[in-house]
Structures are given as structure tokens and as C-alpha cells.
Amino acid sequence: MNKTLPTVALLACALAGGCIGRAPHASVKWNVEIPSRSVLAAAKAKYGLVRIAQVAVRAPYDGTRFAVLRADGSIAFDGGNAFAASPAAILRGASEDAVRASGLFTGVVHASSSAAVTHSLEISVTRLALDCREKGAREAVVDVSVTLLGGREVVAATRGTASVPAEADYTAAFSAAFASAISNALSAL
């Protein structure tokens, strides 16, 4: 009897502390990519070879969990939905694809390439969120700043923004919003 009481007490503590029970649900992981039939329209090349020098995502949108804009002005972070990797890492590939699809440059090289280029691009995502501020509405919103450099001099700086209804497929919604926002910014170069 002496040995049973401590075992029962230990088991009760484990149950009360949450040590035994169902595992929490893992969040669903989403991606951002330039759709094969994207909103980007190929233009005649205005510039030579370009390097995507950097892609940065401004805080608080730089975490993997979705930032959710709420009607009261606060930002929540969705525990059930997240990006498959850091937004900057995901958007680097999408940015390269978008710049290539734009046709504004004769070619696009990765930041780690040692190729000689005539221009470089700095891309900053200033907003990447689910906008739930209006009752009954949920939209993927993306704001992008693009700076074109020739050597170390700024050639042009532009902005693009987009908002796309987001229902169930967040990859499609964020992909369309990013493609539209960066297209708007690139078309202004």
C-alpha cells in the first residue's frame, strides 16, 4: 500500500500537468510562389543583367506564423497557419521568378552568383498579412518596395501593393497578392 500511494500521486500530477494526453495539432504550412499563369506581363528588356541583392521582410511580418490584422488595430499570430519557411527565404525565390517573368532585365542571377551585373535589386516586403479588419472579410495583403541600383547609385525606387481574397488556399492567395504587388512595383521602374 505504501508503494501504491506515491505512484497514484505521480500519475495524477502527470495528468493534471498535461504530460499525458493528445498532442497539439501541427499548423498547416503554406508557400508563396509566382503562379505559372501569373499577372506579370513580360516587357521588353530595359536593363541588363540584374542580381537580387536582398529580399527582406519587415517585422512583425517576418515570422513563420501568419500575422493577422484585426479590427481593433492589433495584430494576432495564427497558430494554425504558417509559412513553410521564413517569409524572406520563400519570397527570395518568388522574387527571382517575378523579376525574370517581368522581362525588364536581360537576365536574373542569384545573390550568391559571382557573375558581373549591371544592376541589382533590393526588395523589401513591408506588409505580409491576413487582413481581417472588416467583418466577414479575409484578404491576403502584400506591400513591396523595390530599389533598383546601378553600381552603388539608386536608379529608381518604387512601391507596389495588392490585396486578394483569402478563403481556404492560402498559398494561392498570398502568391497572387505577392505577384500583383511586385508586378506593380516593377512596372513603375
N, C-alpha and C. Protein backbone atom coordinates (compact mmCIF):
# COMPACT_ATOMS: atom_id res chain seq x y z
N MET A 1 0.82 -1.19 0.00
CA MET A 1 0.00 0.00 0.00
C MET A 1 0.86 1.25 0.00
N ASN A 2 1.99 1.20 0.71
CA ASN A 2 2.88 2.35 0.77
C ASN A 2 3.41 2.71 -0.61
N LYS A 3 3.69 1.74 -1.47
CA LYS A 3 4.23 1.99 -2.80
C LYS A 3 3.15 2.45 -3.78
N THR A 4 1.90 2.11 -3.54
CA THR A 4 0.81 2.47 -4.44
C THR A 4 0.47 3.95 -4.35
N LEU A 5 0.47 4.50 -3.17
CA LEU A 5 0.08 5.90 -2.98
C LEU A 5 1.00 6.87 -3.74
N PRO A 6 2.35 6.74 -3.68
CA PRO A 6 3.20 7.64 -4.46
C PRO A 6 3.01 7.47 -5.97
N THR A 7 2.75 6.26 -6.42
CA THR A 7 2.54 6.02 -7.85
C THR A 7 1.27 6.70 -8.32
N VAL A 8 0.19 6.60 -7.55
CA VAL A 8 -1.08 7.24 -7.89
C VAL A 8 -0.91 8.76 -7.88
N ALA A 9 -0.20 9.29 -6.89
CA ALA A 9 0.03 10.73 -6.80
C ALA A 9 0.84 11.24 -7.99
N LEU A 10 1.86 10.48 -8.38
CA LEU A 10 2.68 10.85 -9.54
C LEU A 10 1.86 10.83 -10.82
N LEU A 11 1.02 9.83 -10.99
CA LEU A 11 0.16 9.72 -12.16
C LEU A 11 -0.84 10.88 -12.21
N ALA A 12 -1.41 11.26 -11.09
CA ALA A 12 -2.36 12.37 -11.02
C ALA A 12 -1.69 13.68 -11.40
N CYS A 13 -0.45 13.89 -10.93
CA CYS A 13 0.28 15.12 -11.29
C CYS A 13 0.58 15.16 -12.77
N ALA A 14 0.95 14.04 -13.34
CA ALA A 14 1.26 13.99 -14.77
C ALA A 14 0.03 14.30 -15.60
N LEU A 15 -1.12 13.74 -15.20
CA LEU A 15 -2.36 14.01 -15.94
C LEU A 15 -2.76 15.47 -15.82
N ALA A 16 -2.68 16.02 -14.61
CA ALA A 16 -3.07 17.42 -14.38
C ALA A 16 -2.12 18.37 -15.09
N GLY A 17 -0.86 18.02 -15.22
CA GLY A 17 0.14 18.89 -15.84
C GLY A 17 0.16 18.82 -17.34
N GLY A 18 -0.65 17.95 -17.93
CA GLY A 18 -0.70 17.86 -19.38
C GLY A 18 0.36 16.97 -19.98
N CYS A 19 1.02 16.17 -19.16
CA CYS A 19 2.06 15.28 -19.69
C CYS A 19 1.48 14.13 -20.48
N ILE A 20 0.27 13.72 -20.14
CA ILE A 20 -0.38 12.63 -20.86
C ILE A 20 -1.64 13.20 -21.50
N GLY A 21 -1.82 12.95 -22.74
CA GLY A 21 -2.99 13.45 -23.45
C GLY A 21 -2.70 13.58 -24.92
N ARG A 22 -3.62 14.17 -25.63
CA ARG A 22 -3.46 14.33 -27.07
C ARG A 22 -2.36 15.34 -27.38
N ALA A 23 -1.66 15.07 -28.45
CA ALA A 23 -0.63 16.01 -28.91
C ALA A 23 -1.32 17.20 -29.57
N PRO A 24 -0.76 18.40 -29.45
CA PRO A 24 -1.38 19.55 -30.11
C PRO A 24 -1.32 19.37 -31.63
N HIS A 25 -2.28 19.96 -32.32
CA HIS A 25 -2.32 19.88 -33.78
C HIS A 25 -1.19 20.73 -34.37
N ALA A 26 -0.52 20.19 -35.36
CA ALA A 26 0.53 20.94 -36.05
C ALA A 26 -0.13 21.96 -36.97
N SER A 27 0.52 23.08 -37.14
CA SER A 27 -0.03 24.10 -38.03
C SER A 27 0.13 23.66 -39.49
N VAL A 28 -0.74 24.17 -40.32
CA VAL A 28 -0.68 23.90 -41.76
C VAL A 28 0.36 24.84 -42.36
N LYS A 29 1.24 24.32 -43.20
CA LYS A 29 2.32 25.10 -43.80
C LYS A 29 1.93 25.53 -45.21
N TRP A 30 2.19 26.78 -45.55
CA TRP A 30 1.83 27.36 -46.83
C TRP A 30 3.05 27.96 -47.50
N ASN A 31 2.99 28.13 -48.81
CA ASN A 31 4.09 28.64 -49.62
C ASN A 31 3.67 29.91 -50.34
N VAL A 32 4.63 30.60 -50.91
CA VAL A 32 4.37 31.73 -51.81
C VAL A 32 5.20 31.49 -53.05
N GLU A 33 4.57 31.51 -54.19
CA GLU A 33 5.26 31.28 -55.46
C GLU A 33 4.59 32.11 -56.54
N ILE A 34 5.32 32.34 -57.60
CA ILE A 34 4.74 33.06 -58.73
C ILE A 34 3.96 32.04 -59.55
N PRO A 35 2.65 32.23 -59.68
CA PRO A 35 1.85 31.28 -60.45
C PRO A 35 2.34 31.17 -61.89
N SER A 36 2.20 29.97 -62.46
CA SER A 36 2.66 29.77 -63.84
C SER A 36 1.93 30.71 -64.79
N ARG A 37 0.68 30.97 -64.54
CA ARG A 37 -0.06 31.97 -65.32
C ARG A 37 -0.19 33.22 -64.45
N SER A 38 0.91 33.88 -64.24
CA SER A 38 0.94 34.99 -63.30
C SER A 38 0.39 36.26 -63.93
N VAL A 39 0.21 37.25 -63.06
CA VAL A 39 -0.27 38.55 -63.50
C VAL A 39 0.85 39.37 -64.12
N LEU A 40 2.06 38.85 -64.09
CA LEU A 40 3.20 39.59 -64.62
C LEU A 40 3.18 39.56 -66.15
N ALA A 41 3.36 40.70 -66.73
CA ALA A 41 3.40 40.78 -68.20
C ALA A 41 4.85 41.02 -68.62
N ALA A 42 5.34 40.20 -69.51
CA ALA A 42 6.71 40.36 -69.98
C ALA A 42 6.83 41.64 -70.80
N ALA A 43 7.81 42.43 -70.45
CA ALA A 43 8.06 43.68 -71.16
C ALA A 43 9.35 43.52 -71.96
N LYS A 44 9.63 44.48 -72.79
CA LYS A 44 10.91 44.49 -73.50
C LYS A 44 11.98 44.90 -72.49
N ALA A 45 13.10 44.20 -72.50
CA ALA A 45 14.17 44.46 -71.53
C ALA A 45 14.65 45.90 -71.62
N LYS A 46 14.59 46.60 -70.48
CA LYS A 46 15.09 47.97 -70.37
C LYS A 46 16.48 48.01 -69.75
N TYR A 47 16.82 46.93 -69.02
CA TYR A 47 18.06 46.90 -68.26
C TYR A 47 18.82 45.61 -68.56
N GLY A 48 20.10 45.62 -68.23
CA GLY A 48 20.94 44.44 -68.43
C GLY A 48 20.71 43.38 -67.37
N LEU A 49 21.74 42.62 -67.10
CA LEU A 49 21.69 41.55 -66.12
C LEU A 49 21.51 42.13 -64.72
N VAL A 50 20.65 41.51 -63.89
CA VAL A 50 20.38 42.02 -62.55
C VAL A 50 20.61 40.93 -61.51
N ARG A 51 21.08 41.36 -60.34
CA ARG A 51 21.24 40.47 -59.19
C ARG A 51 20.19 40.87 -58.15
N ILE A 52 19.51 39.89 -57.60
CA ILE A 52 18.62 40.16 -56.48
C ILE A 52 19.52 40.23 -55.25
N ALA A 53 19.88 41.45 -54.85
CA ALA A 53 20.86 41.64 -53.77
C ALA A 53 20.30 41.24 -52.42
N GLN A 54 19.03 41.59 -52.17
CA GLN A 54 18.43 41.22 -50.90
C GLN A 54 16.92 41.20 -51.00
N VAL A 55 16.34 40.34 -50.20
CA VAL A 55 14.89 40.31 -50.00
C VAL A 55 14.69 40.30 -48.50
N ALA A 56 14.09 41.36 -47.99
CA ALA A 56 13.87 41.49 -46.55
C ALA A 56 12.38 41.61 -46.27
N VAL A 57 11.96 41.09 -45.13
CA VAL A 57 10.58 41.21 -44.70
C VAL A 57 10.58 41.94 -43.37
N ARG A 58 9.85 43.04 -43.32
CA ARG A 58 9.82 43.89 -42.14
C ARG A 58 9.08 43.21 -40.99
N ALA A 59 9.59 43.39 -39.77
CA ALA A 59 8.90 42.92 -38.57
C ALA A 59 7.61 43.71 -38.41
N PRO A 60 6.56 43.16 -37.95
CA PRO A 60 6.37 41.84 -37.35
C PRO A 60 5.93 40.76 -38.34
N TYR A 61 6.09 41.02 -39.62
CA TYR A 61 5.63 40.08 -40.65
C TYR A 61 6.69 39.04 -41.02
N ASP A 62 7.82 39.05 -40.35
CA ASP A 62 8.95 38.21 -40.73
C ASP A 62 8.96 36.83 -40.07
N GLY A 63 7.96 36.53 -39.26
CA GLY A 63 7.88 35.21 -38.62
C GLY A 63 7.11 34.23 -39.49
N THR A 64 7.22 32.96 -39.16
CA THR A 64 6.53 31.96 -39.99
C THR A 64 5.02 31.93 -39.74
N ARG A 65 4.56 32.21 -38.52
CA ARG A 65 3.12 32.22 -38.28
C ARG A 65 2.49 33.43 -38.96
N PHE A 66 1.31 33.24 -39.54
CA PHE A 66 0.63 34.33 -40.23
C PHE A 66 0.33 35.47 -39.28
N ALA A 67 0.64 36.69 -39.69
CA ALA A 67 0.22 37.88 -38.98
C ALA A 67 -1.22 38.18 -39.42
N VAL A 68 -2.09 38.43 -38.45
CA VAL A 68 -3.50 38.68 -38.73
C VAL A 68 -3.84 40.08 -38.24
N LEU A 69 -4.22 40.97 -39.17
CA LEU A 69 -4.61 42.33 -38.81
C LEU A 69 -6.06 42.29 -38.33
N ARG A 70 -6.32 42.85 -37.12
CA ARG A 70 -7.66 42.80 -36.54
C ARG A 70 -8.28 44.19 -36.50
N ALA A 71 -9.59 44.21 -36.40
CA ALA A 71 -10.37 45.46 -36.46
C ALA A 71 -9.98 46.45 -35.36
N ASP A 72 -9.54 45.96 -34.22
CA ASP A 72 -9.18 46.86 -33.12
C ASP A 72 -7.79 47.47 -33.27
N GLY A 73 -7.11 47.17 -34.39
CA GLY A 73 -5.78 47.72 -34.64
C GLY A 73 -4.65 46.82 -34.17
N SER A 74 -4.98 45.72 -33.52
CA SER A 74 -3.95 44.81 -33.03
C SER A 74 -3.57 43.80 -34.11
N ILE A 75 -2.48 43.11 -33.85
CA ILE A 75 -2.02 42.05 -34.74
C ILE A 75 -1.97 40.76 -33.92
N ALA A 76 -2.58 39.71 -34.46
CA ALA A 76 -2.53 38.40 -33.84
C ALA A 76 -1.66 37.51 -34.72
N PHE A 77 -1.22 36.39 -34.16
CA PHE A 77 -0.42 35.45 -34.93
C PHE A 77 -1.13 34.11 -34.91
N ASP A 78 -1.47 33.63 -36.10
CA ASP A 78 -2.27 32.42 -36.28
C ASP A 78 -1.45 31.18 -35.96
N GLY A 79 -1.86 30.45 -34.93
CA GLY A 79 -1.17 29.22 -34.56
C GLY A 79 -1.48 28.05 -35.48
N GLY A 80 -2.53 28.17 -36.29
CA GLY A 80 -2.95 27.08 -37.15
C GLY A 80 -2.42 27.17 -38.57
N ASN A 81 -1.91 28.32 -38.96
CA ASN A 81 -1.42 28.52 -40.32
C ASN A 81 -0.08 29.24 -40.28
N ALA A 82 0.87 28.72 -41.04
CA ALA A 82 2.22 29.29 -41.04
C ALA A 82 2.84 29.14 -42.42
N PHE A 83 3.83 29.96 -42.70
CA PHE A 83 4.61 29.79 -43.93
C PHE A 83 5.53 28.59 -43.74
N ALA A 84 5.84 27.90 -44.82
CA ALA A 84 6.65 26.69 -44.77
C ALA A 84 8.10 26.96 -44.37
N ALA A 85 8.54 28.18 -44.49
CA ALA A 85 9.89 28.62 -44.10
C ALA A 85 9.78 30.10 -43.78
N SER A 86 10.87 30.73 -43.43
CA SER A 86 10.81 32.16 -43.14
C SER A 86 10.31 32.89 -44.39
N PRO A 87 9.48 33.91 -44.21
CA PRO A 87 8.97 34.64 -45.37
C PRO A 87 10.07 35.18 -46.29
N ALA A 88 11.17 35.66 -45.74
CA ALA A 88 12.25 36.18 -46.58
C ALA A 88 12.82 35.08 -47.47
N ALA A 89 12.98 33.88 -46.93
CA ALA A 89 13.51 32.77 -47.72
C ALA A 89 12.55 32.36 -48.83
N ILE A 90 11.27 32.29 -48.50
CA ILE A 90 10.26 31.93 -49.50
C ILE A 90 10.16 33.00 -50.58
N LEU A 91 10.16 34.25 -50.17
CA LEU A 91 9.96 35.35 -51.12
C LEU A 91 11.20 35.61 -51.98
N ARG A 92 12.36 35.13 -51.57
CA ARG A 92 13.56 35.28 -52.41
C ARG A 92 13.36 34.55 -53.73
N GLY A 93 12.94 33.31 -53.69
CA GLY A 93 12.70 32.55 -54.91
C GLY A 93 11.56 33.14 -55.73
N ALA A 94 10.48 33.52 -55.06
CA ALA A 94 9.35 34.13 -55.76
C ALA A 94 9.75 35.45 -56.40
N SER A 95 10.63 36.20 -55.75
CA SER A 95 11.11 37.47 -56.31
C SER A 95 11.92 37.24 -57.57
N GLU A 96 12.81 36.26 -57.52
CA GLU A 96 13.62 35.94 -58.71
C GLU A 96 12.71 35.55 -59.87
N ASP A 97 11.70 34.73 -59.59
CA ASP A 97 10.76 34.31 -60.64
C ASP A 97 9.98 35.50 -61.19
N ALA A 98 9.56 36.40 -60.30
CA ALA A 98 8.79 37.57 -60.73
C ALA A 98 9.63 38.51 -61.58
N VAL A 99 10.85 38.76 -61.16
CA VAL A 99 11.73 39.65 -61.92
C VAL A 99 12.05 39.04 -63.28
N ARG A 100 12.30 37.75 -63.30
CA ARG A 100 12.56 37.05 -64.58
C ARG A 100 11.33 37.14 -65.49
N ALA A 101 10.14 36.92 -64.95
CA ALA A 101 8.90 36.94 -65.74
C ALA A 101 8.56 38.35 -66.23
N SER A 102 9.05 39.37 -65.53
CA SER A 102 8.72 40.75 -65.92
C SER A 102 9.33 41.12 -67.26
N GLY A 103 10.46 40.51 -67.62
CA GLY A 103 11.12 40.82 -68.88
C GLY A 103 11.86 42.14 -68.90
N LEU A 104 11.93 42.83 -67.75
CA LEU A 104 12.60 44.13 -67.69
C LEU A 104 14.12 44.03 -67.77
N PHE A 105 14.65 42.84 -67.48
CA PHE A 105 16.09 42.65 -67.45
C PHE A 105 16.48 41.56 -68.44
N THR A 106 17.71 41.62 -68.94
CA THR A 106 18.15 40.58 -69.88
C THR A 106 18.36 39.25 -69.19
N GLY A 107 18.54 39.26 -67.87
CA GLY A 107 18.70 38.05 -67.09
C GLY A 107 18.72 38.36 -65.61
N VAL A 108 18.54 37.32 -64.80
CA VAL A 108 18.50 37.45 -63.35
C VAL A 108 19.45 36.44 -62.74
N VAL A 109 20.31 36.89 -61.83
CA VAL A 109 21.20 35.97 -61.13
C VAL A 109 20.94 36.05 -59.62
N HIS A 110 21.23 34.97 -58.95
CA HIS A 110 21.05 34.86 -57.50
C HIS A 110 22.08 35.72 -56.79
N ALA A 111 21.78 36.11 -55.57
CA ALA A 111 22.69 36.95 -54.78
C ALA A 111 24.07 36.33 -54.61
N SER A 112 24.16 35.01 -54.56
CA SER A 112 25.45 34.36 -54.35
C SER A 112 26.26 34.18 -55.63
N SER A 113 25.69 34.56 -56.77
CA SER A 113 26.41 34.42 -58.04
C SER A 113 27.57 35.40 -58.12
N SER A 114 28.66 34.97 -58.74
CA SER A 114 29.81 35.86 -58.92
C SER A 114 29.78 36.54 -60.29
N ALA A 115 28.68 36.38 -61.02
CA ALA A 115 28.55 36.99 -62.34
C ALA A 115 28.58 38.52 -62.25
N ALA A 116 29.21 39.15 -63.23
CA ALA A 116 29.21 40.61 -63.31
C ALA A 116 27.83 41.05 -63.80
N VAL A 117 27.24 42.01 -63.09
CA VAL A 117 25.92 42.51 -63.45
C VAL A 117 25.94 44.02 -63.60
N THR A 118 24.97 44.53 -64.34
CA THR A 118 24.87 45.98 -64.50
C THR A 118 24.00 46.61 -63.42
N HIS A 119 23.07 45.82 -62.86
CA HIS A 119 22.13 46.35 -61.87
C HIS A 119 21.91 45.34 -60.74
N SER A 120 21.39 45.84 -59.64
CA SER A 120 20.95 44.97 -58.55
C SER A 120 19.64 45.51 -58.01
N LEU A 121 18.88 44.60 -57.41
CA LEU A 121 17.58 44.95 -56.83
C LEU A 121 17.59 44.65 -55.34
N GLU A 122 17.03 45.58 -54.58
CA GLU A 122 16.79 45.37 -53.16
C GLU A 122 15.27 45.37 -53.00
N ILE A 123 14.74 44.29 -52.47
CA ILE A 123 13.30 44.14 -52.32
C ILE A 123 12.97 44.06 -50.84
N SER A 124 12.03 44.90 -50.42
CA SER A 124 11.61 44.91 -49.03
C SER A 124 10.10 44.71 -48.98
N VAL A 125 9.68 43.69 -48.25
CA VAL A 125 8.25 43.44 -48.06
C VAL A 125 7.87 44.12 -46.76
N THR A 126 7.06 45.16 -46.86
CA THR A 126 6.72 45.96 -45.69
C THR A 126 5.43 45.51 -45.02
N ARG A 127 4.65 44.68 -45.72
CA ARG A 127 3.45 44.10 -45.10
C ARG A 127 3.16 42.77 -45.78
N LEU A 128 2.89 41.74 -44.98
CA LEU A 128 2.57 40.40 -45.45
C LEU A 128 1.65 39.81 -44.38
N ALA A 129 0.34 39.92 -44.61
CA ALA A 129 -0.59 39.56 -43.53
C ALA A 129 -1.94 39.14 -44.08
N LEU A 130 -2.71 38.53 -43.19
CA LEU A 130 -4.13 38.30 -43.44
C LEU A 130 -4.86 39.50 -42.86
N ASP A 131 -5.61 40.20 -43.68
CA ASP A 131 -6.35 41.37 -43.23
C ASP A 131 -7.77 40.95 -42.89
N CYS A 132 -8.07 40.94 -41.60
CA CYS A 132 -9.40 40.56 -41.11
C CYS A 132 -10.06 41.74 -40.40
N ARG A 133 -9.70 42.96 -40.81
CA ARG A 133 -10.22 44.15 -40.12
C ARG A 133 -11.68 44.41 -40.42
N GLU A 134 -12.15 43.99 -41.60
CA GLU A 134 -13.57 44.19 -41.92
C GLU A 134 -14.33 42.91 -41.64
N LYS A 135 -15.46 43.04 -40.99
CA LYS A 135 -16.27 41.89 -40.61
C LYS A 135 -16.63 41.05 -41.84
N GLY A 136 -16.39 39.75 -41.75
CA GLY A 136 -16.72 38.83 -42.83
C GLY A 136 -15.73 38.81 -43.98
N ALA A 137 -14.66 39.58 -43.90
CA ALA A 137 -13.67 39.62 -44.99
C ALA A 137 -12.33 39.09 -44.49
N ARG A 138 -11.64 38.40 -45.37
CA ARG A 138 -10.29 37.90 -45.07
C ARG A 138 -9.49 38.03 -46.36
N GLU A 139 -8.45 38.84 -46.34
CA GLU A 139 -7.66 39.07 -47.54
C GLU A 139 -6.17 38.91 -47.25
N ALA A 140 -5.46 38.36 -48.23
CA ALA A 140 -4.00 38.32 -48.16
C ALA A 140 -3.53 39.68 -48.68
N VAL A 141 -2.77 40.40 -47.87
CA VAL A 141 -2.28 41.72 -48.28
C VAL A 141 -0.76 41.71 -48.30
N VAL A 142 -0.21 42.35 -49.34
CA VAL A 142 1.24 42.42 -49.51
C VAL A 142 1.60 43.82 -49.98
N ASP A 143 2.58 44.43 -49.32
CA ASP A 143 3.16 45.70 -49.75
C ASP A 143 4.65 45.46 -49.99
N VAL A 144 5.15 45.95 -51.12
CA VAL A 144 6.53 45.71 -51.52
C VAL A 144 7.19 47.03 -51.92
N SER A 145 8.45 47.19 -51.53
CA SER A 145 9.28 48.29 -52.01
C SER A 145 10.41 47.68 -52.82
N VAL A 146 10.69 48.26 -53.99
CA VAL A 146 11.76 47.77 -54.85
C VAL A 146 12.70 48.92 -55.14
N THR A 147 13.99 48.70 -54.91
CA THR A 147 15.01 49.71 -55.20
C THR A 147 15.96 49.12 -56.24
N LEU A 148 16.09 49.81 -57.38
CA LEU A 148 16.99 49.40 -58.44
C LEU A 148 18.28 50.20 -58.31
N LEU A 149 19.40 49.48 -58.25
CA LEU A 149 20.70 50.12 -58.12
C LEU A 149 21.52 49.86 -59.38
N GLY A 150 22.25 50.88 -59.81
CA GLY A 150 23.25 50.77 -60.86
C GLY A 150 24.57 51.00 -60.17
N GLY A 151 25.32 49.94 -59.92
CA GLY A 151 26.51 50.06 -59.07
C GLY A 151 26.03 50.34 -57.65
N ARG A 152 26.46 51.46 -57.09
CA ARG A 152 26.02 51.84 -55.74
C ARG A 152 25.05 53.01 -55.77
N GLU A 153 24.63 53.41 -56.95
CA GLU A 153 23.69 54.53 -57.06
C GLU A 153 22.27 54.05 -57.29
N VAL A 154 21.32 54.73 -56.65
CA VAL A 154 19.91 54.39 -56.81
C VAL A 154 19.45 54.90 -58.17
N VAL A 155 18.94 53.99 -58.99
CA VAL A 155 18.40 54.33 -60.30
C VAL A 155 16.92 54.66 -60.17
N ALA A 156 16.20 53.84 -59.38
CA ALA A 156 14.77 54.05 -59.17
C ALA A 156 14.33 53.34 -57.91
N ALA A 157 13.29 53.86 -57.28
CA ALA A 157 12.68 53.23 -56.11
C ALA A 157 11.18 53.29 -56.30
N THR A 158 10.54 52.14 -56.19
CA THR A 158 9.10 52.07 -56.42
C THR A 158 8.42 51.25 -55.33
N ARG A 159 7.10 51.30 -55.32
CA ARG A 159 6.30 50.53 -54.37
C ARG A 159 5.17 49.84 -55.12
N GLY A 160 4.72 48.73 -54.56
CA GLY A 160 3.57 48.04 -55.10
C GLY A 160 2.78 47.44 -53.96
N THR A 161 1.48 47.37 -54.12
CA THR A 161 0.62 46.81 -53.09
C THR A 161 -0.47 45.99 -53.74
N ALA A 162 -0.96 45.00 -53.04
CA ALA A 162 -2.05 44.18 -53.56
C ALA A 162 -2.79 43.52 -52.40
N SER A 163 -4.05 43.24 -52.66
CA SER A 163 -4.91 42.56 -51.70
C SER A 163 -5.76 41.56 -52.47
N VAL A 164 -5.79 40.32 -52.00
CA VAL A 164 -6.52 39.25 -52.69
C VAL A 164 -7.37 38.50 -51.67
N PRO A 165 -8.65 38.22 -51.99
CA PRO A 165 -9.47 37.45 -51.06
C PRO A 165 -8.79 36.11 -50.72
N ALA A 166 -8.83 35.75 -49.44
CA ALA A 166 -8.20 34.52 -48.97
C ALA A 166 -9.25 33.65 -48.30
N GLU A 167 -9.55 32.53 -48.92
CA GLU A 167 -10.55 31.62 -48.35
C GLU A 167 -9.88 30.41 -47.74
N ALA A 168 -9.60 29.39 -48.52
CA ALA A 168 -9.04 28.16 -47.97
C ALA A 168 -7.60 27.92 -48.43
N ASP A 169 -7.25 28.32 -49.63
CA ASP A 169 -5.92 28.05 -50.19
C ASP A 169 -5.05 29.29 -50.00
N TYR A 170 -4.33 29.33 -48.87
CA TYR A 170 -3.50 30.50 -48.57
C TYR A 170 -2.29 30.59 -49.49
N THR A 171 -1.80 29.48 -50.01
CA THR A 171 -0.71 29.54 -50.97
C THR A 171 -1.15 30.31 -52.19
N ALA A 172 -2.34 30.02 -52.71
CA ALA A 172 -2.85 30.72 -53.89
C ALA A 172 -3.08 32.20 -53.59
N ALA A 173 -3.66 32.51 -52.43
CA ALA A 173 -3.97 33.90 -52.09
C ALA A 173 -2.70 34.74 -51.92
N PHE A 174 -1.74 34.25 -51.12
CA PHE A 174 -0.51 35.02 -50.91
C PHE A 174 0.34 35.07 -52.18
N SER A 175 0.31 34.01 -52.97
CA SER A 175 1.05 34.00 -54.24
C SER A 175 0.50 35.06 -55.19
N ALA A 176 -0.82 35.11 -55.32
CA ALA A 176 -1.45 36.10 -56.21
C ALA A 176 -1.20 37.52 -55.70
N ALA A 177 -1.30 37.72 -54.39
CA ALA A 177 -1.08 39.07 -53.83
C ALA A 177 0.37 39.51 -54.03
N PHE A 178 1.32 38.60 -53.76
CA PHE A 178 2.73 38.96 -53.94
C PHE A 178 3.03 39.23 -55.42
N ALA A 179 2.54 38.35 -56.31
CA ALA A 179 2.78 38.54 -57.75
C ALA A 179 2.24 39.88 -58.22
N SER A 180 1.06 40.24 -57.76
CA SER A 180 0.46 41.52 -58.16
C SER A 180 1.23 42.71 -57.58
N ALA A 181 1.60 42.63 -56.31
CA ALA A 181 2.33 43.74 -55.66
C ALA A 181 3.67 43.96 -56.30
N ILE A 182 4.43 42.89 -56.55
CA ILE A 182 5.76 43.08 -57.14
C ILE A 182 5.64 43.49 -58.60
N SER A 183 4.60 43.01 -59.30
CA SER A 183 4.36 43.43 -60.67
C SER A 183 4.10 44.93 -60.74
N ASN A 184 3.29 45.43 -59.80
CA ASN A 184 3.02 46.87 -59.74
C ASN A 184 4.30 47.67 -59.52
N ALA A 185 5.14 47.18 -58.62
CA ALA A 185 6.40 47.87 -58.33
C ALA A 185 7.36 47.82 -59.52
N LEU A 186 7.49 46.65 -60.14
CA LEU A 186 8.41 46.51 -61.28
C LEU A 186 7.96 47.30 -62.48
N SER A 187 6.67 47.38 -62.71
CA SER A 187 6.17 48.11 -63.88
C SER A 187 6.42 49.61 -63.76
N ALA A 188 6.66 50.09 -62.54
CA ALA A 188 6.95 51.51 -62.34
C ALA A 188 8.42 51.83 -62.50
N LEU A 189 9.28 50.82 -62.69
CA LEU A 189 10.72 51.08 -62.86
C LEU A 189 10.99 51.74 -64.20
